[in-house]
C-alpha atoms as a PDB file:
ATOM      1  CA  MET A   1      12.332 -22.151  21.565  1.00  0.00           C
ATOM      2  CA  THR A   2      10.093 -22.518  18.489  1.00  0.00           C
ATOM      3  CA  ALA A   3      10.573 -20.406  15.375  1.00  0.00           C
ATOM      4  CA  VAL A   4       7.287 -18.565  16.006  1.00  0.00           C
ATOM      5  CA  ALA A   5       8.207 -17.768  19.601  1.00  0.00           C
ATOM      6  CA  ASP A   6      11.660 -16.590  18.540  1.00  0.00           C
ATOM      7  CA  PHE A   7      10.170 -14.359  15.840  1.00  0.00           C
ATOM      8  CA  ARG A   8       7.687 -12.901  18.350  1.00  0.00           C
ATOM      9  CA  ARG A   9      10.451 -12.196  20.829  1.00  0.00           C
ATOM     10  CA  ARG A  10      12.604 -10.429  18.243  1.00  0.00           C
ATOM     11  CA  ALA A  11       9.603  -8.535  16.849  1.00  0.00           C
ATOM     12  CA  LEU A  12       8.692  -7.131  20.267  1.00  0.00           C
ATOM     13  CA  ARG A  13      12.285  -5.945  20.748  1.00  0.00           C
ATOM     14  CA  HIS A  14      12.471  -4.338  17.293  1.00  0.00           C
ATOM     15  CA  ARG A  15      11.450  -0.707  17.740  1.00  0.00           C
ATOM     16  CA  SER A  16      10.628   0.036  14.082  1.00  0.00           C
ATOM     17  CA  PHE A  17       8.513  -3.081  13.728  1.00  0.00           C
ATOM     18  CA  ALA A  18       6.657  -2.461  16.995  1.00  0.00           C
ATOM     19  CA  ILE A  19       5.826   1.166  16.165  1.00  0.00           C
ATOM     20  CA  GLY A  20       4.929   0.287  12.565  1.00  0.00           C
ATOM     21  CA  ALA A  21       2.688  -2.573  13.669  1.00  0.00           C
ATOM     22  CA  LEU A  22       0.937  -0.270  16.156  1.00  0.00           C
ATOM     23  CA  LEU A  23       0.276   2.476  13.589  1.00  0.00           C
ATOM     24  CA  THR A  24      -0.812  -0.023  10.942  1.00  0.00           C
ATOM     25  CA  GLY A  25      -3.068  -1.707  13.487  1.00  0.00           C
ATOM     26  CA  LEU A  26      -4.710   1.646  14.227  1.00  0.00           C
ATOM     27  CA  LEU A  27      -5.360   2.159  10.496  1.00  0.00           C
ATOM     28  CA  VAL A  28      -6.961  -1.262  10.158  1.00  0.00           C
ATOM     29  CA  ALA A  29      -8.945  -0.774  13.381  1.00  0.00           C
ATOM     30  CA  ALA A  30     -10.286   2.576  12.134  1.00  0.00           C
ATOM     31  CA  ALA A  31     -11.395   1.001   8.853  1.00  0.00           C
ATOM     32  CA  LEU A  32     -13.088  -1.916  10.614  1.00  0.00           C
ATOM     33  CA  LEU A  33     -14.760   0.365  13.150  1.00  0.00           C
ATOM     34  CA  SER A  34     -16.127   2.623  10.413  1.00  0.00           C
ATOM     35  CA  LEU A  35     -17.888  -0.362   8.835  1.00  0.00           C
ATOM     36  CA  VAL A  36     -20.240  -0.595  11.818  1.00  0.00           C
ATOM     37  CA  TRP A  37     -20.082   2.823  13.498  1.00  0.00           C
ATOM     38  CA  ALA A  38     -19.176   6.458  12.957  1.00  0.00           C
ATOM     39  CA  PRO A  39     -20.117   9.501  15.081  1.00  0.00           C
ATOM     40  CA  TYR A  40     -22.196  10.917  12.199  1.00  0.00           C
ATOM     41  CA  PRO A  41     -22.968  10.002   8.601  1.00  0.00           C
ATOM     42  CA  PRO A  42     -19.827  11.294   6.837  1.00  0.00           C
ATOM     43  CA  ALA A  43     -21.788  13.043   4.054  1.00  0.00           C
ATOM     44  CA  GLU A  44     -24.352  14.662   6.368  1.00  0.00           C
ATOM     45  CA  ILE A  45     -24.390  18.444   5.800  1.00  0.00           C
ATOM     46  CA  ASP A  46     -25.087  20.754   8.747  1.00  0.00           C
ATOM     47  CA  ILE A  47     -24.583  24.334   7.569  1.00  0.00           C
ATOM     48  CA  PRO A  48     -25.441  26.010  10.934  1.00  0.00           C
ATOM     49  CA  ASN A  49     -22.520  24.115  12.510  1.00  0.00           C
ATOM     50  CA  LYS A  50     -19.978  24.647   9.732  1.00  0.00           C
ATOM     51  CA  LEU A  51     -16.318  25.176  10.733  1.00  0.00           C
ATOM     52  CA  ALA A  52     -17.120  24.273  14.336  1.00  0.00           C
ATOM     53  CA  PRO A  53     -14.035  23.726  16.551  1.00  0.00           C
ATOM     54  CA  PRO A  54     -13.371  20.379  18.244  1.00  0.00           C
ATOM     55  CA  SER A  55     -15.947  19.657  20.940  1.00  0.00           C
ATOM     56  CA  ALA A  56     -17.746  16.823  22.687  1.00  0.00           C
ATOM     57  CA  ALA A  57     -20.289  16.766  19.854  1.00  0.00           C
ATOM     58  CA  HIS A  58     -17.699  16.906  17.056  1.00  0.00           C
ATOM     59  CA  TRP A  59     -14.374  15.506  18.260  1.00  0.00           C
ATOM     60  CA  LEU A  60     -12.309  17.019  15.443  1.00  0.00           C
ATOM     61  CA  GLY A  61     -14.699  19.796  14.471  1.00  0.00           C
ATOM     62  CA  THR A  62     -16.621  20.218  11.225  1.00  0.00           C
ATOM     63  CA  ASP A  63     -15.726  21.342   7.707  1.00  0.00           C
ATOM     64  CA  SER A  64     -17.102  24.184   5.580  1.00  0.00           C
ATOM     65  CA  LEU A  65     -20.338  22.238   4.970  1.00  0.00           C
ATOM     66  CA  GLY A  66     -20.798  21.178   8.580  1.00  0.00           C
ATOM     67  CA  ARG A  67     -19.727  17.583   7.971  1.00  0.00           C
ATOM     68  CA  ASP A  68     -18.114  15.814  10.924  1.00  0.00           C
ATOM     69  CA  ILE A  69     -14.358  15.519  10.319  1.00  0.00           C
ATOM     70  CA  ALA A  70     -13.857  12.537  12.646  1.00  0.00           C
ATOM     71  CA  SER A  71     -16.476  10.570  10.717  1.00  0.00           C
ATOM     72  CA  GLN A  72     -14.849  11.440   7.401  1.00  0.00           C
ATOM     73  CA  ILE A  73     -11.416  10.397   8.696  1.00  0.00           C
ATOM     74  CA  LEU A  74     -12.778   7.063   9.926  1.00  0.00           C
ATOM     75  CA  VAL A  75     -14.746   6.223   6.775  1.00  0.00           C
ATOM     76  CA  GLY A  76     -11.970   7.565   4.530  1.00  0.00           C
ATOM     77  CA  SER A  77      -9.631   4.946   5.973  1.00  0.00           C
ATOM     78  CA  GLN A  78     -11.699   2.325   4.138  1.00  0.00           C
ATOM     79  CA  ASN A  79     -10.578   3.729   0.784  1.00  0.00           C
ATOM     80  CA  SER A  80      -6.939   3.598   1.855  1.00  0.00           C
ATOM     81  CA  ILE A  81      -7.244  -0.053   2.869  1.00  0.00           C
ATOM     82  CA  VAL A  82      -9.161  -1.046  -0.285  1.00  0.00           C
ATOM     83  CA  VAL A  83      -6.779   0.750  -2.641  1.00  0.00           C
ATOM     84  CA  GLY A  84      -3.717  -0.644  -0.875  1.00  0.00           C
ATOM     85  CA  VAL A  85      -4.934  -4.250  -0.773  1.00  0.00           C
ATOM     86  CA  VAL A  86      -6.260  -4.409  -4.344  1.00  0.00           C
ATOM     87  CA  ALA A  87      -3.439  -2.418  -5.965  1.00  0.00           C
ATOM     88  CA  VAL A  88      -0.750  -4.450  -4.210  1.00  0.00           C
ATOM     89  CA  SER A  89      -2.586  -7.673  -5.099  1.00  0.00           C
ATOM     90  CA  ILE A  90      -2.538  -6.662  -8.773  1.00  0.00           C
ATOM     91  CA  GLY A  91       1.178  -5.956  -8.562  1.00  0.00           C
ATOM     92  CA  LEU A  92       1.885  -9.216  -6.746  1.00  0.00           C
ATOM     93  CA  GLY A  93      -0.284 -11.355  -8.991  1.00  0.00           C
ATOM     94  CA  PHE A  94       1.032 -10.164 -12.353  1.00  0.00           C
ATOM     95  CA  GLY A  95       4.475  -8.875 -11.354  1.00  0.00           C
ATOM     96  CA  VAL A  96       5.583 -11.984  -9.454  1.00  0.00           C
ATOM     97  CA  ALA A  97       4.345 -14.258 -12.254  1.00  0.00           C
ATOM     98  CA  LEU A  98       6.263 -12.266 -14.864  1.00  0.00           C
ATOM     99  CA  GLY A  99       9.402 -12.123 -12.731  1.00  0.00           C
ATOM    100  CA  LEU A 100       9.375 -15.868 -12.041  1.00  0.00           C
ATOM    101  CA  TRP A 101       8.773 -16.606 -15.733  1.00  0.00           C
ATOM    102  CA  ALA A 102      11.656 -14.355 -16.765  1.00  0.00           C
ATOM    103  CA  SER A 103      14.020 -15.896 -14.229  1.00  0.00           C
ATOM    104  CA  ALA A 104      13.083 -19.468 -15.098  1.00  0.00           C
ATOM    105  CA  ARG A 105      13.242 -19.116 -18.883  1.00  0.00           C
ATOM    106  CA  ARG A 106      16.001 -16.491 -19.198  1.00  0.00           C
ATOM    107  CA  GLY A 107      17.081 -15.522 -22.716  1.00  0.00           C
ATOM    108  CA  TRP A 108      14.581 -13.638 -24.856  1.00  0.00           C
ATOM    109  CA  VAL A 109      11.800 -14.115 -22.274  1.00  0.00           C
ATOM    110  CA  GLU A 110      13.797 -12.322 -19.589  1.00  0.00           C
ATOM    111  CA  GLU A 111      14.725  -9.578 -22.029  1.00  0.00           C
ATOM    112  CA  LEU A 112      11.084  -9.127 -23.058  1.00  0.00           C
ATOM    113  CA  VAL A 113       9.854  -8.899 -19.467  1.00  0.00           C
ATOM    114  CA  MET A 114      12.545  -6.422 -18.494  1.00  0.00           C
ATOM    115  CA  ARG A 115      11.852  -4.210 -21.503  1.00  0.00           C
ATOM    116  CA  PHE A 116       8.162  -4.308 -20.612  1.00  0.00           C
ATOM    117  CA  ALA A 117       9.061  -3.189 -17.088  1.00  0.00           C
ATOM    118  CA  ASP A 118      11.151  -0.329 -18.463  1.00  0.00           C
ATOM    119  CA  PHE A 119       8.252   0.733 -20.683  1.00  0.00           C
ATOM    120  CA  ALA A 120       5.753   0.541 -17.807  1.00  0.00           C
ATOM    121  CA  PHE A 121       7.970   2.714 -15.597  1.00  0.00           C
ATOM    122  CA  ALA A 122       7.547   5.493 -18.165  1.00  0.00           C
ATOM    123  CA  PHE A 123       3.886   5.705 -17.105  1.00  0.00           C
ATOM    124  CA  PRO A 124       3.699   6.473 -13.366  1.00  0.00           C
ATOM    125  CA  ALA A 125       0.436   6.018 -11.478  1.00  0.00           C
ATOM    126  CA  LEU A 126      -0.550   9.676 -11.829  1.00  0.00           C
ATOM    127  CA  LEU A 127      -0.066   9.740 -15.605  1.00  0.00           C
ATOM    128  CA  THR A 128      -1.872   6.405 -15.990  1.00  0.00           C
ATOM    129  CA  ALA A 129      -4.762   7.698 -13.871  1.00  0.00           C
ATOM    130  CA  ILE A 130      -5.037  10.822 -16.030  1.00  0.00           C
ATOM    131  CA  MET A 131      -5.198   8.699 -19.183  1.00  0.00           C
ATOM    132  CA  LEU A 132      -7.769   6.310 -17.711  1.00  0.00           C
ATOM    133  CA  THR A 133      -9.992   9.080 -16.340  1.00  0.00           C
ATOM    134  CA  ALA A 134      -9.894  10.829 -19.705  1.00  0.00           C
ATOM    135  CA  ILE A 135     -11.435   7.681 -21.195  1.00  0.00           C
ATOM    136  CA  TYR A 136     -13.600   6.237 -18.420  1.00  0.00           C
ATOM    137  CA  GLY A 137     -14.043   9.159 -16.027  1.00  0.00           C
ATOM    138  CA  PRO A 138     -12.598   9.670 -12.526  1.00  0.00           C
ATOM    139  CA  GLY A 139     -13.297   7.314  -9.657  1.00  0.00           C
ATOM    140  CA  LEU A 140     -11.876   4.941  -7.071  1.00  0.00           C
ATOM    141  CA  LEU A 141     -11.722   2.061  -9.559  1.00  0.00           C
ATOM    142  CA  MET A 142      -9.523   4.025 -11.948  1.00  0.00           C
ATOM    143  CA  SER A 143      -7.194   4.905  -9.070  1.00  0.00           C
ATOM    144  CA  ILE A 144      -6.881   1.247  -8.105  1.00  0.00           C
ATOM    145  CA  VAL A 145      -6.176   0.179 -11.690  1.00  0.00           C
ATOM    146  CA  ALA A 146      -3.584   2.923 -12.220  1.00  0.00           C
ATOM    147  CA  ILE A 147      -1.732   2.205  -8.965  1.00  0.00           C
ATOM    148  CA  GLY A 148      -1.967  -1.552  -9.518  1.00  0.00           C
ATOM    149  CA  LEU A 149      -0.501  -1.299 -13.027  1.00  0.00           C
ATOM    150  CA  PHE A 150       2.379   0.776 -11.672  1.00  0.00           C
ATOM    151  CA  ASN A 151       3.111  -1.959  -9.107  1.00  0.00           C
ATOM    152  CA  VAL A 152       3.422  -4.695 -11.740  1.00  0.00           C
ATOM    153  CA  PRO A 153       6.904  -3.726 -13.060  1.00  0.00           C
ATOM    154  CA  VAL A 154       8.078  -3.054  -9.495  1.00  0.00           C
ATOM    155  CA  PHE A 155       7.330  -6.618  -8.419  1.00  0.00           C
ATOM    156  CA  ALA A 156       8.461  -8.071 -11.756  1.00  0.00           C
ATOM    157  CA  ARG A 157      11.930  -6.545 -11.440  1.00  0.00           C
ATOM    158  CA  LEU A 158      12.270  -7.450  -7.766  1.00  0.00           C
ATOM    159  CA  THR A 159      11.102 -11.028  -8.316  1.00  0.00           C
ATOM    160  CA  ARG A 160      13.376 -11.584 -11.289  1.00  0.00           C
ATOM    161  CA  GLY A 161      16.444 -10.308  -9.408  1.00  0.00           C
ATOM    162  CA  ALA A 162      15.744 -12.311  -6.248  1.00  0.00           C
ATOM    163  CA  ALA A 163      14.844 -15.448  -8.192  1.00  0.00           C
ATOM    164  CA  ASN A 164      18.010 -15.294 -10.298  1.00  0.00           C
ATOM    165  CA  ALA A 165      20.046 -15.495  -7.096  1.00  0.00           C
ATOM    166  CA  VAL A 166      18.099 -18.563  -5.912  1.00  0.00           C
ATOM    167  CA  TRP A 167      18.537 -20.398  -9.233  1.00  0.00           C
ATOM    168  CA  THR A 168      22.307 -20.492  -8.624  1.00  0.00           C
ATOM    169  CA  ARG A 169      22.015 -22.183  -5.194  1.00  0.00           C
ATOM    170  CA  GLU A 170      23.223 -25.738  -4.660  1.00  0.00           C
ATOM    171  CA  TYR A 171      19.837 -27.172  -3.653  1.00  0.00           C
ATOM    172  CA  VAL A 172      18.289 -25.863  -6.872  1.00  0.00           C
ATOM    173  CA  LEU A 173      21.101 -27.351  -8.945  1.00  0.00           C
ATOM    174  CA  ALA A 174      20.624 -30.642  -7.089  1.00  0.00           C
ATOM    175  CA  SER A 175      16.892 -30.565  -7.832  1.00  0.00           C
ATOM    176  CA  ARG A 176      17.585 -30.047 -11.521  1.00  0.00           C
ATOM    177  CA  ALA A 177      20.054 -32.922 -11.489  1.00  0.00           C
ATOM    178  CA  ALA A 178      17.383 -35.097  -9.862  1.00  0.00           C
ATOM    179  CA  GLY A 179      15.078 -34.443 -12.798  1.00  0.00           C
ATOM    180  CA  LYS A 180      12.696 -31.843 -11.378  1.00  0.00           C
ATOM    181  CA  GLY A 181      11.103 -29.584 -13.971  1.00  0.00           C
ATOM    182  CA  THR A 182      11.397 -25.814 -14.075  1.00  0.00           C
ATOM    183  CA  ALA A 183       7.834 -25.230 -12.869  1.00  0.00           C
ATOM    184  CA  ARG A 184       8.227 -27.605  -9.914  1.00  0.00           C
ATOM    185  CA  ILE A 185      11.544 -26.049  -8.861  1.00  0.00           C
ATOM    186  CA  THR A 186       9.991 -22.582  -9.087  1.00  0.00           C
ATOM    187  CA  LEU A 187       7.094 -23.546  -6.820  1.00  0.00           C
ATOM    188  CA  ASP A 188       9.046 -25.748  -4.393  1.00  0.00           C
ATOM    189  CA  HIS A 189      12.271 -23.778  -4.011  1.00  0.00           C
ATOM    190  CA  VAL A 190      12.391 -20.396  -5.737  1.00  0.00           C
ATOM    191  CA  LEU A 191       9.104 -18.843  -4.629  1.00  0.00           C
ATOM    192  CA  PRO A 192       9.368 -19.890  -0.937  1.00  0.00           C
ATOM    193  CA  ASN A 193      12.897 -18.493  -0.725  1.00  0.00           C
ATOM    194  CA  ILE A 194      11.969 -15.074  -2.098  1.00  0.00           C
ATOM    195  CA  ALA A 195       8.689 -14.790  -0.178  1.00  0.00           C
ATOM    196  CA  SER A 196      10.223 -12.641   2.577  1.00  0.00           C
ATOM    197  CA  VAL A 197      11.505 -10.118   0.018  1.00  0.00           C
ATOM    198  CA  LEU A 198       8.054  -9.933  -1.579  1.00  0.00           C
ATOM    199  CA  ILE A 199       6.344  -9.454   1.782  1.00  0.00           C
ATOM    200  CA  VAL A 200       8.560  -6.496   2.622  1.00  0.00           C
ATOM    201  CA  GLN A 201       8.009  -4.927  -0.813  1.00  0.00           C
ATOM    202  CA  ALA A 202       4.251  -5.465  -0.513  1.00  0.00           C
ATOM    203  CA  THR A 203       4.242  -3.541   2.772  1.00  0.00           C
ATOM    204  CA  ILE A 204       6.163  -0.647   1.240  1.00  0.00           C
ATOM    205  CA  SER A 205       3.967  -0.677  -1.882  1.00  0.00           C
ATOM    206  CA  PHE A 206       0.911  -0.542   0.379  1.00  0.00           C
ATOM    207  CA  ALA A 207       2.195   2.725   1.837  1.00  0.00           C
ATOM    208  CA  THR A 208       2.933   4.067  -1.636  1.00  0.00           C
ATOM    209  CA  ALA A 209      -0.588   3.138  -2.754  1.00  0.00           C
ATOM    210  CA  ILE A 210      -2.156   5.095   0.126  1.00  0.00           C
ATOM    211  CA  LEU A 211      -0.057   8.134  -0.751  1.00  0.00           C
ATOM    212  CA  ALA A 212      -0.864   7.808  -4.471  1.00  0.00           C
ATOM    213  CA  GLU A 213      -4.602   7.488  -3.808  1.00  0.00           C
ATOM    214  CA  ALA A 214      -4.524  10.598  -1.642  1.00  0.00           C
ATOM    215  CA  ALA A 215      -2.682  12.495  -4.392  1.00  0.00           C
ATOM    216  CA  LEU A 216      -5.145  11.368  -7.060  1.00  0.00           C
ATOM    217  CA  SER A 217      -8.130  12.292  -4.892  1.00  0.00           C
ATOM    218  CA  TYR A 218      -6.544  15.660  -4.159  1.00  0.00           C
ATOM    219  CA  LEU A 219      -6.426  16.291  -7.916  1.00  0.00           C
ATOM    220  CA  GLY A 220     -10.023  15.141  -8.339  1.00  0.00           C
ATOM    221  CA  LEU A 221      -9.082  11.929 -10.172  1.00  0.00           C
ATOM    222  CA  GLY A 222      -9.691   9.478  -7.335  1.00  0.00           C
ATOM    223  CA  THR A 223     -12.561   8.929  -4.932  1.00  0.00           C
ATOM    224  CA  GLN A 224     -15.561  11.055  -5.852  1.00  0.00           C
ATOM    225  CA  PRO A 225     -18.140  12.735  -3.572  1.00  0.00           C
ATOM    226  CA  PRO A 226     -19.968  11.895  -1.416  1.00  0.00           C
ATOM    227  CA  GLN A 227     -17.526   9.096  -0.481  1.00  0.00           C
ATOM    228  CA  PRO A 228     -14.943  10.538   1.954  1.00  0.00           C
ATOM    229  CA  SER A 229     -11.284  10.573   0.986  1.00  0.00           C
ATOM    230  CA  TRP A 230      -8.287  11.946   2.864  1.00  0.00           C
ATOM    231  CA  GLY A 231      -6.846  13.448  -0.308  1.00  0.00           C
ATOM    232  CA  ARG A 232     -10.074  15.215  -1.234  1.00  0.00           C
ATOM    233  CA  MET A 233     -10.405  16.500   2.322  1.00  0.00           C
ATOM    234  CA  LEU A 234      -7.013  18.169   1.879  1.00  0.00           C
ATOM    235  CA  SER A 235      -8.133  19.643  -1.431  1.00  0.00           C
ATOM    236  CA  GLU A 236     -11.303  21.062   0.088  1.00  0.00           C
ATOM    237  CA  ALA A 237      -9.406  22.410   3.093  1.00  0.00           C
ATOM    238  CA  GLN A 238      -6.987  24.521   1.064  1.00  0.00           C
ATOM    239  CA  THR A 239      -9.592  27.271   0.579  1.00  0.00           C
ATOM    240  CA  GLN A 240     -10.021  27.520   4.368  1.00  0.00           C
ATOM    241  CA  LEU A 241      -6.369  27.398   5.445  1.00  0.00           C
ATOM    242  CA  PHE A 242      -6.339  30.812   7.118  1.00  0.00           C
ATOM    243  CA  GLN A 243      -9.831  30.551   8.567  1.00  0.00           C
ATOM    244  CA  ALA A 244      -9.657  26.934   9.781  1.00  0.00           C
ATOM    245  CA  PRO A 245      -6.147  25.463   9.350  1.00  0.00           C
ATOM    246  CA  MET A 246      -7.031  22.321  11.313  1.00  0.00           C
ATOM    247  CA  LEU A 247      -9.166  21.152   8.380  1.00  0.00           C
ATOM    248  CA  ALA A 248      -5.931  20.292   6.578  1.00  0.00           C
ATOM    249  CA  VAL A 249      -4.104  19.005   9.650  1.00  0.00           C
ATOM    250  CA  TRP A 250      -6.378  16.058  10.432  1.00  0.00           C
ATOM    251  CA  PRO A 251      -6.409  14.311   7.030  1.00  0.00           C
ATOM    252  CA  GLY A 252      -2.732  15.186   6.538  1.00  0.00           C
ATOM    253  CA  LEU A 253      -1.904  13.602   9.888  1.00  0.00           C
ATOM    254  CA  ALA A 254      -3.915  10.494   8.986  1.00  0.00           C
ATOM    255  CA  ILE A 255      -1.958  10.098   5.739  1.00  0.00           C
ATOM    256  CA  VAL A 256       1.413  10.718   7.421  1.00  0.00           C
ATOM    257  CA  LEU A 257       0.804   8.252  10.256  1.00  0.00           C
ATOM    258  CA  SER A 258      -0.507   5.549   7.912  1.00  0.00           C
ATOM    259  CA  VAL A 259       2.390   5.833   5.487  1.00  0.00           C
ATOM    260  CA  LEU A 260       4.916   6.109   8.325  1.00  0.00           C
ATOM    261  CA  GLY A 261       3.479   3.046  10.045  1.00  0.00           C
ATOM    262  CA  LEU A 262       3.622   0.896   6.912  1.00  0.00           C
ATOM    263  CA  ASN A 263       7.151   2.030   6.071  1.00  0.00           C
ATOM    264  CA  LEU A 264       8.350   1.261   9.599  1.00  0.00           C
ATOM    265  CA  LEU A 265       6.570  -2.091   9.443  1.00  0.00           C
ATOM    266  CA  GLY A 266       8.299  -2.898   6.155  1.00  0.00           C
ATOM    267  CA  ASP A 267      11.665  -1.835   7.559  1.00  0.00           C
ATOM    268  CA  GLY A 268      11.127  -4.025  10.604  1.00  0.00           C
ATOM    269  CA  LEU A 269      10.028  -7.021   8.530  1.00  0.00           C
ATOM    270  CA  ARG A 270      13.139  -6.671   6.377  1.00  0.00           C
ATOM    271  CA  ASP A 271      15.341  -6.913   9.470  1.00  0.00           C
ATOM    272  CA  LEU A 272      13.352  -9.745  11.036  1.00  0.00           C
ATOM    273  CA  LEU A 273      13.005 -11.899   7.914  1.00  0.00           C
ATOM    274  CA  ASP A 274      16.605 -11.518   6.708  1.00  0.00           C
ATOM    275  CA  PRO A 275      18.632 -14.240   8.498  1.00  0.00           C
ATOM    276  CA  ARG A 276      21.867 -12.229   8.281  1.00  0.00           C
ATOM    277  CA  LEU A 277      20.308  -9.140   9.871  1.00  0.00           C
ATOM    278  CA  ALA A 278      18.519 -11.294  12.430  1.00  0.00           C
ATOM    279  CA  ARG A 279      21.816 -12.859  13.557  1.00  0.00           C
ATOM    280  CA  ALA A 280      23.457  -9.442  13.705  1.00  0.00           C
ATOM    281  CA  ARG A 281      20.797  -8.187  16.083  1.00  0.00           C
END
C-alpha cells in the first residue's frame, strides 16, 4: 500500500478530519460559488421586502434594508477566505523565516527573535487593527495586516521550538560532519521535518483569522459597506434581535461552522501527520 493510499484510508476513518474537511470544503465551495453566482446582488436594497421571513424567493429571509441574507452569507465567505489565506501567508512567510534563522544561528540571534516575539504578543490583532485604522482608516486591508502581523510571532516561536529539536537529530549531526552548511541543512532536513507541524498550525491560524476578521468587522474596523461581512451582519442584526432574531443566527452559524471545521481539520491533521499518533490509531 502506497503512502498516499494509506493516508487516505486513515483520513477517511478519522472522524475529526472527515467532519473538518467537509465543513471546510463547504466554506470553500460557498466562496467559489459566490464568485459566479448569488441569488441576488448582496448590496441590493429592497425596502418593501425588509425583514421578510425565509421563503422560496429569499431562502434565509432579508435584513432591515431588504437585502438577501443568503447572498450576503455566500459573498461574505470570500472575505473569510481572503483574510485567512493572506494573513496566514504573512505569518508563515515571516514567522517561519525568523524561527529557522533563530534556530540555526542560536546565541544572540535566537534571543533577539524571541524577544521580538514577546514584544509582538503585547499587541494582539484587535489592538493592532485599532492603531492601523487610526492612521490609515478602517478596511479589509488593515484587518489582513493586523491579523498577519499577529501570526508572525506565533509561527516564529513554533518554528524555533520544532527546529531546535531537529538540529539535535543524528542525521543532522551527520550532515554537519559531512561538511554541509547551515543553510543547506535547514532546507534539506530541518524544514521538511517540521512541515507537518506548520501545516497544522496554519489550519488553526486560519480559523483564528476568520474569527478575528469577524470581530473587527463587528466593531466597524474591518470590511466596510457595501461589501458583505459576517461580522458586520452580526453588528447590524443586534438592533433587530427581538423583532427578527434569525438575522443574527445565520451569520453566527456561518462563523461557528467555519471555525469549527478548520479546528477539527487541524486536529485531524495533527493526528494523521504525527507518526506516533498514527501508529497508536
